[in-house]
Amino acid sequence: MKKQKKKQEITDDSPAISSDTADHEKLFDAVRKNIAWSEAIYKQNEKMLRHMRWMSIMSFVRILIFLIPIILGIIYLPAILRPIWEQYQSLIGFSNTSSFDSDSVRTLLEQFSNK
């Protein structure tokens, strides 16, 4: 009887061994697929990160494109427009030394109404 039990134990173990190798192969294939998917996702994430980096750089450039002319205008336009403004005031009849009072406005209105 002892020999029969040993034979049964051996025969019972042999299907378990074959199923273990099949399970190991399935797990190995699953791990291999998982690694392949992980590599694909990693490459995709790198592309997205690069794209987002360029988006942030270009948004900064876009802001600079709008701000630089405004800043330059604030700095340089008063110096450029001062002679033009003085010519305009001399055409109207205002001088830089006189103050703006009601008499000068009346004289201007009279000049325009007479023409």
N, C-alpha and C. Protein backbone atom coordinates (compact mmCIF):
# COMPACT_ATOMS: atom_id res chain seq x y z
N MET A 1 0.78 -1.17 0.00
CA MET A 1 0.00 0.00 0.00
C MET A 1 0.83 1.26 0.00
N LYS A 2 1.93 1.17 0.60
CA LYS A 2 2.80 2.33 0.63
C LYS A 2 3.28 2.68 -0.77
N LYS A 3 3.53 1.71 -1.58
CA LYS A 3 3.99 1.96 -2.93
C LYS A 3 2.89 2.62 -3.75
N GLN A 4 1.69 2.22 -3.54
CA GLN A 4 0.58 2.80 -4.29
C GLN A 4 0.39 4.27 -3.91
N LYS A 5 0.54 4.60 -2.63
CA LYS A 5 0.38 5.99 -2.20
C LYS A 5 1.48 6.85 -2.81
N LYS A 6 2.69 6.29 -2.85
CA LYS A 6 3.77 7.06 -3.44
C LYS A 6 3.52 7.25 -4.91
N LYS A 7 3.02 6.25 -5.60
CA LYS A 7 2.72 6.38 -7.01
C LYS A 7 1.61 7.40 -7.23
N GLN A 8 0.61 7.40 -6.34
CA GLN A 8 -0.49 8.36 -6.47
C GLN A 8 0.02 9.78 -6.21
N GLU A 9 0.90 9.92 -5.24
CA GLU A 9 1.44 11.24 -4.96
C GLU A 9 2.24 11.76 -6.14
N ILE A 10 2.99 10.91 -6.77
CA ILE A 10 3.79 11.31 -7.93
C ILE A 10 2.87 11.66 -9.08
N THR A 11 1.88 10.86 -9.33
CA THR A 11 0.97 11.13 -10.44
C THR A 11 0.13 12.36 -10.13
N ASP A 12 -0.20 12.60 -8.88
CA ASP A 12 -0.96 13.80 -8.53
C ASP A 12 -0.10 15.05 -8.69
N ASP A 13 1.18 14.95 -8.44
CA ASP A 13 2.06 16.11 -8.53
C ASP A 13 2.37 16.47 -9.98
N SER A 14 2.42 15.51 -10.84
CA SER A 14 2.82 15.80 -12.22
C SER A 14 1.85 16.74 -12.94
N PRO A 15 0.53 16.64 -12.80
CA PRO A 15 -0.35 17.63 -13.43
C PRO A 15 -0.18 19.01 -12.78
N ALA A 16 0.12 19.05 -11.51
CA ALA A 16 0.32 20.33 -10.83
C ALA A 16 1.56 21.03 -11.37
N ILE A 17 2.57 20.26 -11.67
CA ILE A 17 3.80 20.84 -12.21
C ILE A 17 3.54 21.43 -13.59
N SER A 18 2.81 20.74 -14.42
CA SER A 18 2.54 21.23 -15.77
C SER A 18 1.64 22.46 -15.72
N SER A 19 0.70 22.50 -14.80
CA SER A 19 -0.17 23.67 -14.70
C SER A 19 0.61 24.85 -14.12
N ASP A 20 1.58 24.57 -13.25
CA ASP A 20 2.42 25.65 -12.71
C ASP A 20 3.24 26.30 -13.82
N THR A 21 3.78 25.48 -14.71
CA THR A 21 4.57 26.06 -15.80
C THR A 21 3.68 26.86 -16.74
N ALA A 22 2.47 26.39 -16.96
CA ALA A 22 1.53 27.13 -17.82
C ALA A 22 1.17 28.46 -17.15
N ASP A 23 0.94 28.40 -15.83
CA ASP A 23 0.64 29.65 -15.11
C ASP A 23 1.82 30.60 -15.15
N HIS A 24 3.02 30.06 -15.01
CA HIS A 24 4.21 30.91 -15.08
C HIS A 24 4.36 31.54 -16.45
N GLU A 25 4.06 30.77 -17.49
CA GLU A 25 4.14 31.31 -18.84
C GLU A 25 3.11 32.41 -19.05
N LYS A 26 1.91 32.20 -18.53
CA LYS A 26 0.86 33.21 -18.65
C LYS A 26 1.26 34.49 -17.90
N LEU A 27 1.78 34.30 -16.71
CA LEU A 27 2.23 35.45 -15.94
C LEU A 27 3.38 36.17 -16.63
N PHE A 28 4.29 35.38 -17.18
CA PHE A 28 5.42 35.98 -17.88
C PHE A 28 4.95 36.77 -19.09
N ASP A 29 3.98 36.22 -19.85
CA ASP A 29 3.40 36.94 -20.99
C ASP A 29 2.68 38.22 -20.53
N ALA A 30 1.95 38.12 -19.42
CA ALA A 30 1.24 39.30 -18.90
C ALA A 30 2.23 40.38 -18.47
N VAL A 31 3.31 39.98 -17.83
CA VAL A 31 4.33 40.95 -17.42
C VAL A 31 4.99 41.58 -18.65
N ARG A 32 5.24 40.77 -19.65
CA ARG A 32 5.85 41.27 -20.89
C ARG A 32 4.91 42.30 -21.56
N LYS A 33 3.62 41.98 -21.64
CA LYS A 33 2.65 42.92 -22.21
C LYS A 33 2.56 44.19 -21.37
N ASN A 34 2.60 44.03 -20.06
CA ASN A 34 2.53 45.18 -19.16
C ASN A 34 3.73 46.10 -19.36
N ILE A 35 4.90 45.52 -19.53
CA ILE A 35 6.10 46.32 -19.77
C ILE A 35 5.99 47.04 -21.10
N ALA A 36 5.47 46.36 -22.13
CA ALA A 36 5.32 47.00 -23.44
C ALA A 36 4.35 48.18 -23.36
N TRP A 37 3.22 47.99 -22.67
CA TRP A 37 2.25 49.08 -22.51
C TRP A 37 2.86 50.22 -21.69
N SER A 38 3.60 49.89 -20.67
CA SER A 38 4.23 50.93 -19.84
C SER A 38 5.22 51.76 -20.65
N GLU A 39 5.99 51.10 -21.51
CA GLU A 39 6.93 51.83 -22.36
C GLU A 39 6.19 52.74 -23.34
N ALA A 40 5.09 52.25 -23.90
CA ALA A 40 4.30 53.08 -24.83
C ALA A 40 3.71 54.29 -24.12
N ILE A 41 3.21 54.08 -22.94
CA ILE A 41 2.63 55.19 -22.16
C ILE A 41 3.72 56.17 -21.77
N TYR A 42 4.89 55.69 -21.42
CA TYR A 42 6.00 56.56 -21.06
C TYR A 42 6.41 57.44 -22.24
N LYS A 43 6.50 56.85 -23.44
CA LYS A 43 6.85 57.63 -24.63
C LYS A 43 5.79 58.68 -24.92
N GLN A 44 4.53 58.30 -24.76
CA GLN A 44 3.43 59.24 -24.99
C GLN A 44 3.48 60.38 -23.97
N ASN A 45 3.77 60.07 -22.74
CA ASN A 45 3.87 61.11 -21.70
C ASN A 45 5.03 62.06 -21.97
N GLU A 46 6.13 61.54 -22.48
CA GLU A 46 7.26 62.40 -22.83
C GLU A 46 6.87 63.39 -23.93
N LYS A 47 6.14 62.91 -24.94
CA LYS A 47 5.69 63.78 -26.01
C LYS A 47 4.74 64.85 -25.48
N MET A 48 3.84 64.44 -24.60
CA MET A 48 2.90 65.40 -24.03
C MET A 48 3.61 66.43 -23.18
N LEU A 49 4.59 66.00 -22.41
CA LEU A 49 5.36 66.92 -21.58
C LEU A 49 6.12 67.93 -22.45
N ARG A 50 6.72 67.46 -23.53
CA ARG A 50 7.43 68.35 -24.45
C ARG A 50 6.46 69.36 -25.07
N HIS A 51 5.27 68.87 -25.47
CA HIS A 51 4.26 69.75 -26.06
C HIS A 51 3.79 70.80 -25.05
N MET A 52 3.56 70.41 -23.82
CA MET A 52 3.12 71.35 -22.78
C MET A 52 4.21 72.37 -22.48
N ARG A 53 5.46 71.95 -22.50
CA ARG A 53 6.57 72.88 -22.26
C ARG A 53 6.60 73.95 -23.34
N TRP A 54 6.44 73.54 -24.61
CA TRP A 54 6.42 74.50 -25.70
C TRP A 54 5.20 75.41 -25.61
N MET A 55 4.07 74.88 -25.16
CA MET A 55 2.88 75.71 -24.99
C MET A 55 3.12 76.80 -23.97
N SER A 56 3.77 76.47 -22.86
CA SER A 56 4.02 77.48 -21.83
C SER A 56 5.03 78.51 -22.32
N ILE A 57 6.04 78.08 -23.05
CA ILE A 57 7.02 79.03 -23.60
C ILE A 57 6.35 79.97 -24.59
N MET A 58 5.51 79.43 -25.46
CA MET A 58 4.87 80.27 -26.47
C MET A 58 3.83 81.20 -25.85
N SER A 59 3.18 80.81 -24.77
CA SER A 59 2.26 81.73 -24.11
C SER A 59 3.02 82.89 -23.48
N PHE A 60 4.21 82.62 -22.96
CA PHE A 60 5.06 83.69 -22.43
C PHE A 60 5.49 84.62 -23.56
N VAL A 61 5.85 84.06 -24.72
CA VAL A 61 6.24 84.88 -25.87
C VAL A 61 5.05 85.72 -26.34
N ARG A 62 3.87 85.14 -26.35
CA ARG A 62 2.67 85.87 -26.76
C ARG A 62 2.40 87.06 -25.84
N ILE A 63 2.58 86.87 -24.55
CA ILE A 63 2.40 87.97 -23.60
C ILE A 63 3.44 89.05 -23.87
N LEU A 64 4.68 88.65 -24.12
CA LEU A 64 5.72 89.63 -24.42
C LEU A 64 5.42 90.41 -25.70
N ILE A 65 4.86 89.73 -26.70
CA ILE A 65 4.53 90.40 -27.96
C ILE A 65 3.53 91.53 -27.71
N PHE A 66 2.61 91.35 -26.78
CA PHE A 66 1.64 92.40 -26.48
C PHE A 66 2.19 93.45 -25.52
N LEU A 67 3.01 93.05 -24.56
CA LEU A 67 3.47 93.99 -23.54
C LEU A 67 4.61 94.89 -24.02
N ILE A 68 5.51 94.39 -24.84
CA ILE A 68 6.67 95.19 -25.26
C ILE A 68 6.24 96.45 -26.02
N PRO A 69 5.32 96.38 -26.99
CA PRO A 69 4.91 97.63 -27.65
C PRO A 69 4.22 98.61 -26.70
N ILE A 70 3.45 98.09 -25.76
CA ILE A 70 2.79 98.99 -24.80
C ILE A 70 3.82 99.69 -23.93
N ILE A 71 4.79 98.96 -23.44
CA ILE A 71 5.83 99.56 -22.59
C ILE A 71 6.66 100.56 -23.39
N LEU A 72 7.04 100.20 -24.61
CA LEU A 72 7.80 101.13 -25.45
C LEU A 72 6.98 102.37 -25.77
N GLY A 73 5.68 102.20 -25.99
CA GLY A 73 4.81 103.35 -26.24
C GLY A 73 4.74 104.28 -25.04
N ILE A 74 4.66 103.72 -23.85
CA ILE A 74 4.62 104.55 -22.64
C ILE A 74 5.93 105.31 -22.48
N ILE A 75 7.03 104.70 -22.84
CA ILE A 75 8.33 105.34 -22.67
C ILE A 75 8.58 106.40 -23.76
N TYR A 76 8.36 106.06 -25.04
CA TYR A 76 8.79 106.91 -26.14
C TYR A 76 7.71 107.83 -26.70
N LEU A 77 6.44 107.51 -26.58
CA LEU A 77 5.41 108.35 -27.18
C LEU A 77 5.33 109.76 -26.59
N PRO A 78 5.48 109.98 -25.29
CA PRO A 78 5.43 111.37 -24.82
C PRO A 78 6.51 112.25 -25.45
N ALA A 79 7.70 111.71 -25.64
CA ALA A 79 8.77 112.49 -26.26
C ALA A 79 8.47 112.76 -27.73
N ILE A 80 7.84 111.82 -28.40
CA ILE A 80 7.52 111.99 -29.82
C ILE A 80 6.32 112.92 -29.98
N LEU A 81 5.33 112.81 -29.12
CA LEU A 81 4.10 113.59 -29.26
C LEU A 81 4.20 115.01 -28.72
N ARG A 82 5.19 115.30 -27.91
CA ARG A 82 5.32 116.65 -27.33
C ARG A 82 5.45 117.73 -28.40
N PRO A 83 6.31 117.59 -29.42
CA PRO A 83 6.36 118.63 -30.46
C PRO A 83 5.06 118.74 -31.26
N ILE A 84 4.43 117.62 -31.51
CA ILE A 84 3.16 117.64 -32.24
C ILE A 84 2.09 118.35 -31.41
N TRP A 85 2.05 118.09 -30.12
CA TRP A 85 1.08 118.72 -29.23
C TRP A 85 1.33 120.23 -29.14
N GLU A 86 2.60 120.62 -29.12
CA GLU A 86 2.92 122.06 -29.09
C GLU A 86 2.49 122.75 -30.39
N GLN A 87 2.67 122.09 -31.52
CA GLN A 87 2.21 122.66 -32.79
C GLN A 87 0.69 122.78 -32.80
N TYR A 88 0.03 121.79 -32.29
CA TYR A 88 -1.43 121.81 -32.24
C TYR A 88 -1.90 122.96 -31.34
N GLN A 89 -1.27 123.16 -30.21
CA GLN A 89 -1.65 124.24 -29.31
C GLN A 89 -1.38 125.60 -29.94
N SER A 90 -0.30 125.70 -30.67
CA SER A 90 -0.03 126.99 -31.32
C SER A 90 -1.04 127.26 -32.43
N LEU A 91 -1.54 126.25 -33.11
CA LEU A 91 -2.58 126.43 -34.12
C LEU A 91 -3.88 126.90 -33.49
N ILE A 92 -4.21 126.35 -32.37
CA ILE A 92 -5.45 126.71 -31.70
C ILE A 92 -5.33 128.08 -31.04
N GLY A 93 -4.19 128.42 -30.59
CA GLY A 93 -3.99 129.70 -29.97
C GLY A 93 -3.62 129.60 -28.51
N PHE A 94 -3.43 128.42 -28.01
CA PHE A 94 -2.99 128.25 -26.63
C PHE A 94 -1.48 128.38 -26.59
N SER A 95 -0.99 128.95 -25.52
CA SER A 95 0.45 128.96 -25.31
C SER A 95 0.75 128.16 -24.05
N ASN A 96 1.96 127.71 -23.93
CA ASN A 96 2.33 126.88 -22.78
C ASN A 96 2.32 127.67 -21.48
N THR A 97 2.54 128.97 -21.55
CA THR A 97 2.61 129.77 -20.32
C THR A 97 1.24 130.19 -19.83
N SER A 98 0.28 130.28 -20.70
CA SER A 98 -1.04 130.75 -20.25
C SER A 98 -1.80 129.61 -19.60
N SER A 99 -2.65 129.99 -18.68
CA SER A 99 -3.48 128.99 -18.02
C SER A 99 -4.80 128.87 -18.78
N PHE A 100 -5.45 127.81 -18.56
CA PHE A 100 -6.72 127.55 -19.23
C PHE A 100 -7.82 128.24 -18.43
N ASP A 101 -8.37 129.30 -18.99
CA ASP A 101 -9.43 130.02 -18.29
C ASP A 101 -10.62 130.21 -19.23
N SER A 102 -11.67 130.76 -18.69
CA SER A 102 -12.92 130.91 -19.46
C SER A 102 -12.80 131.96 -20.54
N ASP A 103 -11.95 132.97 -20.36
CA ASP A 103 -11.79 134.01 -21.37
C ASP A 103 -11.19 133.44 -22.65
N SER A 104 -10.20 132.60 -22.51
CA SER A 104 -9.58 132.02 -23.71
C SER A 104 -10.56 131.10 -24.44
N VAL A 105 -11.41 130.41 -23.70
CA VAL A 105 -12.41 129.55 -24.33
C VAL A 105 -13.41 130.41 -25.09
N ARG A 106 -13.83 131.56 -24.51
CA ARG A 106 -14.77 132.46 -25.19
C ARG A 106 -14.17 133.01 -26.47
N THR A 107 -12.92 133.37 -26.41
CA THR A 107 -12.29 133.93 -27.62
C THR A 107 -12.18 132.86 -28.70
N LEU A 108 -11.89 131.67 -28.32
CA LEU A 108 -11.84 130.58 -29.31
C LEU A 108 -13.21 130.33 -29.93
N LEU A 109 -14.25 130.31 -29.09
CA LEU A 109 -15.60 130.10 -29.60
C LEU A 109 -16.02 131.22 -30.54
N GLU A 110 -15.64 132.44 -30.22
CA GLU A 110 -15.97 133.57 -31.06
C GLU A 110 -15.24 133.47 -32.40
N GLN A 111 -14.00 133.01 -32.38
CA GLN A 111 -13.23 132.86 -33.61
C GLN A 111 -13.88 131.82 -34.52
N PHE A 112 -14.33 130.72 -33.93
CA PHE A 112 -14.93 129.65 -34.74
C PHE A 112 -16.33 130.03 -35.21
N SER A 113 -17.06 130.77 -34.40
CA SER A 113 -18.42 131.14 -34.81
C SER A 113 -18.41 132.20 -35.89
N ASN A 114 -17.36 133.06 -35.96
CA ASN A 114 -17.27 134.09 -36.99
C ASN A 114 -16.94 133.50 -38.35
N LYS A 115 -16.32 132.38 -38.40
CA LYS A 115 -15.90 131.80 -39.68
C LYS A 115 -17.01 131.04 -40.27
